[in-house]
N, C-alpha and C. Protein backbone atom coordinates (compact mmCIF):
# COMPACT_ATOMS: atom_id res chain seq x y z
N MET A 1 17.97 -54.07 -30.79
CA MET A 1 18.19 -54.39 -31.91
C MET A 1 17.35 -55.32 -32.96
N GLY A 2 18.33 -55.17 -34.32
CA GLY A 2 17.35 -55.79 -35.57
C GLY A 2 17.67 -56.87 -35.40
N THR A 3 17.01 -57.92 -36.71
CA THR A 3 16.95 -59.17 -36.79
C THR A 3 18.49 -59.20 -38.23
N THR A 4 19.34 -60.01 -38.40
CA THR A 4 20.10 -60.60 -38.86
C THR A 4 19.65 -62.16 -39.70
N MET A 5 19.64 -61.92 -40.89
CA MET A 5 18.87 -63.54 -41.37
C MET A 5 19.59 -63.80 -43.19
N SER A 6 20.04 -64.97 -43.07
CA SER A 6 20.37 -64.93 -44.72
C SER A 6 19.31 -64.72 -45.35
N LEU A 7 19.53 -64.59 -46.50
CA LEU A 7 18.39 -64.68 -48.06
C LEU A 7 17.13 -65.79 -47.88
N SER A 8 18.18 -66.71 -47.47
CA SER A 8 17.10 -68.07 -47.91
C SER A 8 16.08 -68.25 -46.74
N ASP A 9 16.60 -67.44 -45.42
CA ASP A 9 16.02 -67.41 -44.24
C ASP A 9 15.04 -66.83 -44.18
N ALA A 10 15.10 -65.64 -44.73
CA ALA A 10 14.56 -64.33 -45.17
C ALA A 10 13.38 -64.38 -46.23
N LYS A 11 13.42 -65.04 -46.96
CA LYS A 11 12.62 -66.18 -47.83
C LYS A 11 11.95 -66.56 -47.50
N ALA A 12 12.32 -67.68 -46.85
CA ALA A 12 11.05 -68.84 -46.16
C ALA A 12 10.71 -67.60 -44.79
N ARG A 13 10.83 -66.39 -44.25
CA ARG A 13 10.30 -66.01 -43.28
C ARG A 13 9.78 -64.45 -44.06
N LEU A 14 9.79 -64.21 -44.55
CA LEU A 14 8.91 -62.83 -45.25
C LEU A 14 8.30 -61.94 -44.43
N SER A 15 6.77 -63.02 -44.11
CA SER A 15 5.94 -62.17 -43.28
C SER A 15 6.40 -62.01 -42.27
N GLU A 16 6.69 -62.45 -41.21
CA GLU A 16 7.42 -62.50 -40.16
C GLU A 16 7.94 -61.21 -39.81
N LEU A 17 9.35 -61.48 -41.26
CA LEU A 17 9.81 -60.48 -41.24
C LEU A 17 9.39 -58.53 -41.71
N VAL A 18 8.50 -59.00 -42.79
CA VAL A 18 7.86 -57.47 -42.81
C VAL A 18 7.17 -57.12 -41.39
N ARG A 19 6.07 -57.96 -40.55
CA ARG A 19 5.66 -57.81 -39.47
C ARG A 19 6.40 -56.66 -38.47
N GLY A 20 7.97 -57.61 -38.29
CA GLY A 20 8.56 -56.82 -37.16
C GLY A 20 8.98 -55.17 -37.78
N VAL A 21 9.35 -55.23 -38.96
CA VAL A 21 9.64 -53.94 -39.50
C VAL A 21 8.82 -52.77 -39.26
N ARG A 22 7.37 -53.76 -39.89
CA ARG A 22 6.29 -52.72 -39.31
C ARG A 22 6.23 -51.94 -37.76
N ARG A 23 6.56 -52.91 -37.11
CA ARG A 23 6.53 -52.72 -35.96
C ARG A 23 7.73 -51.94 -35.55
N GLY A 24 8.42 -50.95 -36.53
CA GLY A 24 9.46 -50.25 -36.08
C GLY A 24 11.07 -51.13 -35.75
N GLU A 25 11.00 -52.29 -36.13
CA GLU A 25 12.24 -53.07 -35.77
C GLU A 25 13.07 -52.89 -36.90
N GLU A 26 14.72 -53.15 -37.40
CA GLU A 26 15.02 -53.62 -38.51
C GLU A 26 15.70 -54.33 -38.91
N ALA A 27 15.77 -54.69 -39.83
CA ALA A 27 16.35 -56.33 -40.02
C ALA A 27 17.10 -56.34 -41.82
N VAL A 28 18.19 -56.81 -41.03
CA VAL A 28 19.76 -57.18 -41.91
C VAL A 28 19.67 -58.18 -42.45
N ILE A 29 19.57 -58.39 -44.48
CA ILE A 29 19.69 -59.45 -44.65
C ILE A 29 20.71 -59.89 -45.26
N THR A 30 21.72 -60.96 -45.14
CA THR A 30 23.23 -60.94 -45.39
C THR A 30 23.10 -62.08 -46.55
N VAL A 31 23.54 -62.05 -47.85
CA VAL A 31 24.20 -62.77 -48.47
C VAL A 31 25.54 -63.65 -48.49
N ASP A 32 25.72 -64.03 -48.70
CA ASP A 32 26.90 -65.28 -48.29
C ASP A 32 27.60 -64.62 -46.70
N GLY A 33 26.63 -64.75 -45.74
CA GLY A 33 27.33 -64.33 -44.83
C GLY A 33 27.57 -62.20 -44.24
N VAL A 34 27.42 -61.91 -45.84
CA VAL A 34 27.77 -60.77 -45.60
C VAL A 34 26.67 -59.54 -45.90
N PRO A 35 26.25 -58.74 -44.91
CA PRO A 35 24.89 -58.20 -44.72
C PRO A 35 25.23 -57.40 -46.18
N ALA A 36 24.02 -57.61 -46.82
CA ALA A 36 23.43 -56.74 -48.35
C ALA A 36 22.48 -56.21 -48.52
N VAL A 37 21.39 -56.14 -47.27
CA VAL A 37 20.40 -55.35 -47.34
C VAL A 37 19.61 -55.07 -46.04
N ARG A 38 19.26 -53.71 -45.74
CA ARG A 38 18.98 -53.33 -44.71
C ARG A 38 17.39 -53.07 -44.98
N LEU A 39 16.44 -53.66 -44.26
CA LEU A 39 15.01 -53.17 -44.25
C LEU A 39 14.94 -52.59 -42.55
N VAL A 40 13.96 -51.57 -43.52
CA VAL A 40 13.59 -50.57 -42.47
C VAL A 40 12.17 -50.29 -42.53
N PRO A 41 11.70 -49.29 -41.75
CA PRO A 41 9.92 -48.92 -41.81
C PRO A 41 10.15 -48.06 -42.64
N ALA A 42 8.92 -47.83 -43.25
CA ALA A 42 8.77 -46.54 -44.43
C ALA A 42 7.64 -45.99 -43.60
N HIS A 43 8.34 -44.99 -42.99
CA HIS A 43 7.31 -44.07 -42.31
C HIS A 43 7.21 -42.55 -42.96
N THR A 44 5.70 -42.92 -42.70
CA THR A 44 5.49 -41.27 -43.33
C THR A 44 4.99 -40.12 -43.03
N GLY A 45 5.20 -40.42 -41.43
CA GLY A 45 5.14 -38.95 -40.17
C GLY A 45 6.25 -38.72 -40.01
N PRO A 46 6.24 -37.91 -39.09
CA PRO A 46 7.29 -37.51 -38.21
C PRO A 46 8.09 -38.70 -37.24
N ARG A 47 9.04 -38.79 -37.06
CA ARG A 47 9.96 -39.96 -36.77
C ARG A 47 10.51 -38.92 -35.33
N THR A 48 10.85 -39.95 -34.89
CA THR A 48 11.95 -39.88 -33.48
C THR A 48 12.89 -39.26 -33.69
N LEU A 49 13.37 -38.26 -32.72
CA LEU A 49 15.05 -37.54 -32.87
C LEU A 49 15.98 -38.71 -32.27
N THR A 50 17.00 -38.82 -32.91
CA THR A 50 17.79 -39.63 -32.19
C THR A 50 18.59 -38.78 -31.02
N PRO A 51 19.13 -39.36 -30.18
CA PRO A 51 19.41 -38.75 -28.73
C PRO A 51 20.99 -37.38 -29.36
N ALA A 52 21.81 -38.13 -30.86
CA ALA A 52 22.29 -36.98 -30.98
C ALA A 52 21.83 -35.81 -31.66
N GLU A 53 20.65 -36.34 -32.65
CA GLU A 53 20.44 -34.98 -32.86
C GLU A 53 19.50 -34.50 -32.43
N ALA A 54 18.73 -34.88 -31.22
CA ALA A 54 18.12 -34.23 -30.06
C ALA A 54 19.22 -33.26 -29.61
N ALA A 55 20.48 -33.73 -28.72
CA ALA A 55 21.27 -32.77 -28.44
C ALA A 55 22.19 -31.44 -29.40
N GLY A 56 22.14 -32.08 -31.02
CA GLY A 56 22.36 -30.82 -31.87
C GLY A 56 21.66 -29.25 -32.34
N TYR A 57 20.31 -30.22 -32.00
CA TYR A 57 19.19 -29.31 -32.43
C TYR A 57 19.28 -28.12 -30.39
N ARG A 58 19.15 -28.45 -29.45
CA ARG A 58 19.59 -28.31 -28.44
C ARG A 58 20.75 -26.97 -28.57
N ALA A 59 21.82 -27.74 -29.24
CA ALA A 59 22.86 -26.72 -29.24
C ALA A 59 22.64 -25.35 -29.54
N LEU A 60 21.97 -25.86 -31.17
CA LEU A 60 21.70 -24.88 -32.17
C LEU A 60 20.79 -24.12 -31.78
N MET A 61 19.72 -23.95 -31.03
CA MET A 61 18.95 -23.49 -30.34
C MET A 61 19.68 -22.40 -29.19
N ALA A 62 20.32 -22.79 -28.64
CA ALA A 62 21.35 -22.28 -27.60
C ALA A 62 22.32 -21.51 -28.14
N SER A 63 23.20 -21.75 -29.48
CA SER A 63 23.32 -20.69 -29.78
C SER A 63 23.15 -19.39 -30.33
N LEU A 64 21.97 -19.68 -30.87
CA LEU A 64 20.82 -18.67 -31.78
C LEU A 64 20.43 -17.45 -30.81
N GLY A 65 20.51 -18.01 -29.09
CA GLY A 65 20.06 -16.94 -28.46
C GLY A 65 21.38 -16.21 -27.65
N ARG A 66 22.32 -16.53 -28.21
CA ARG A 66 23.30 -15.84 -28.14
C ARG A 66 23.75 -14.71 -29.30
N ILE A 67 22.90 -14.60 -30.55
CA ILE A 67 23.32 -13.88 -31.12
C ILE A 67 22.74 -12.48 -31.22
N GLN A 68 23.64 -11.42 -31.21
CA GLN A 68 23.07 -10.17 -31.04
C GLN A 68 22.17 -9.55 -32.04
N ARG A 69 21.56 -9.58 -31.57
CA ARG A 69 19.95 -8.46 -32.89
C ARG A 69 20.01 -6.96 -32.09
N PRO A 70 19.90 -6.65 -33.26
CA PRO A 70 19.30 -5.07 -33.77
C PRO A 70 18.73 -4.45 -32.68
N THR A 71 19.23 -3.20 -32.14
CA THR A 71 18.04 -2.81 -30.78
C THR A 71 17.05 -1.75 -31.26
N SER A 72 17.50 -1.26 -32.84
CA SER A 72 16.88 -0.45 -33.44
C SER A 72 16.28 -0.63 -34.74
N GLU A 73 15.70 -0.24 -35.20
CA GLU A 73 15.30 -0.40 -37.04
C GLU A 73 16.22 -0.39 -38.07
N PHE A 74 16.68 -0.96 -38.71
CA PHE A 74 17.96 -0.80 -39.27
C PHE A 74 16.88 -0.70 -41.34
N ASP A 75 17.38 -0.78 -42.14
CA ASP A 75 16.91 -0.66 -43.90
C ASP A 75 17.63 -1.58 -44.21
N ALA A 76 17.53 -2.64 -44.60
CA ALA A 76 18.15 -3.88 -44.98
C ALA A 76 19.28 -3.52 -46.74
N VAL A 77 18.45 -2.81 -47.41
CA VAL A 77 19.03 -2.22 -48.29
C VAL A 77 20.31 -1.21 -48.38
N GLU A 78 20.14 -0.51 -47.15
CA GLU A 78 21.21 -0.14 -46.97
C GLU A 78 22.57 -0.72 -46.50
N LEU A 79 22.46 -1.71 -45.60
CA LEU A 79 23.03 -2.59 -45.66
C LEU A 79 23.95 -3.26 -46.59
N VAL A 80 23.11 -3.51 -47.10
CA VAL A 80 23.40 -4.46 -48.61
C VAL A 80 24.25 -3.53 -49.14
N GLY A 81 23.59 -2.18 -49.28
CA GLY A 81 24.56 -1.32 -49.69
C GLY A 81 26.48 -0.89 -49.26
N GLU A 82 26.22 -1.29 -48.06
CA GLU A 82 27.34 -0.92 -47.29
C GLU A 82 28.32 -1.92 -47.52
N GLY A 83 27.69 -3.01 -47.97
CA GLY A 83 28.50 -4.39 -48.18
C GLY A 83 28.54 -5.10 -47.00
N ARG A 84 27.28 -4.70 -46.21
CA ARG A 84 27.53 -5.95 -44.58
C ARG A 84 26.41 -6.81 -45.35
N ARG A 85 26.75 -7.60 -44.73
CA ARG A 85 25.38 -8.86 -44.69
C ARG A 85 25.05 -9.59 -43.53
């Protein structure tokens, strides 16, 4: 889980806060006790998928395997001409 701190604490501990965020942690800064800002790492490369995203991609790949594919050659221009898409 991330760190939550007030704006005044964040100003006093900014270096520590940034180091934590660089390690992959998230931080929430509050103003008058209300969350105002969420600091997250600025990743430039690929990121790890969340379990929900991974499950969604697995389901998509499984559903693609169930699509019937033509067994013979076909002419796409002819299919469009027939109104099939």
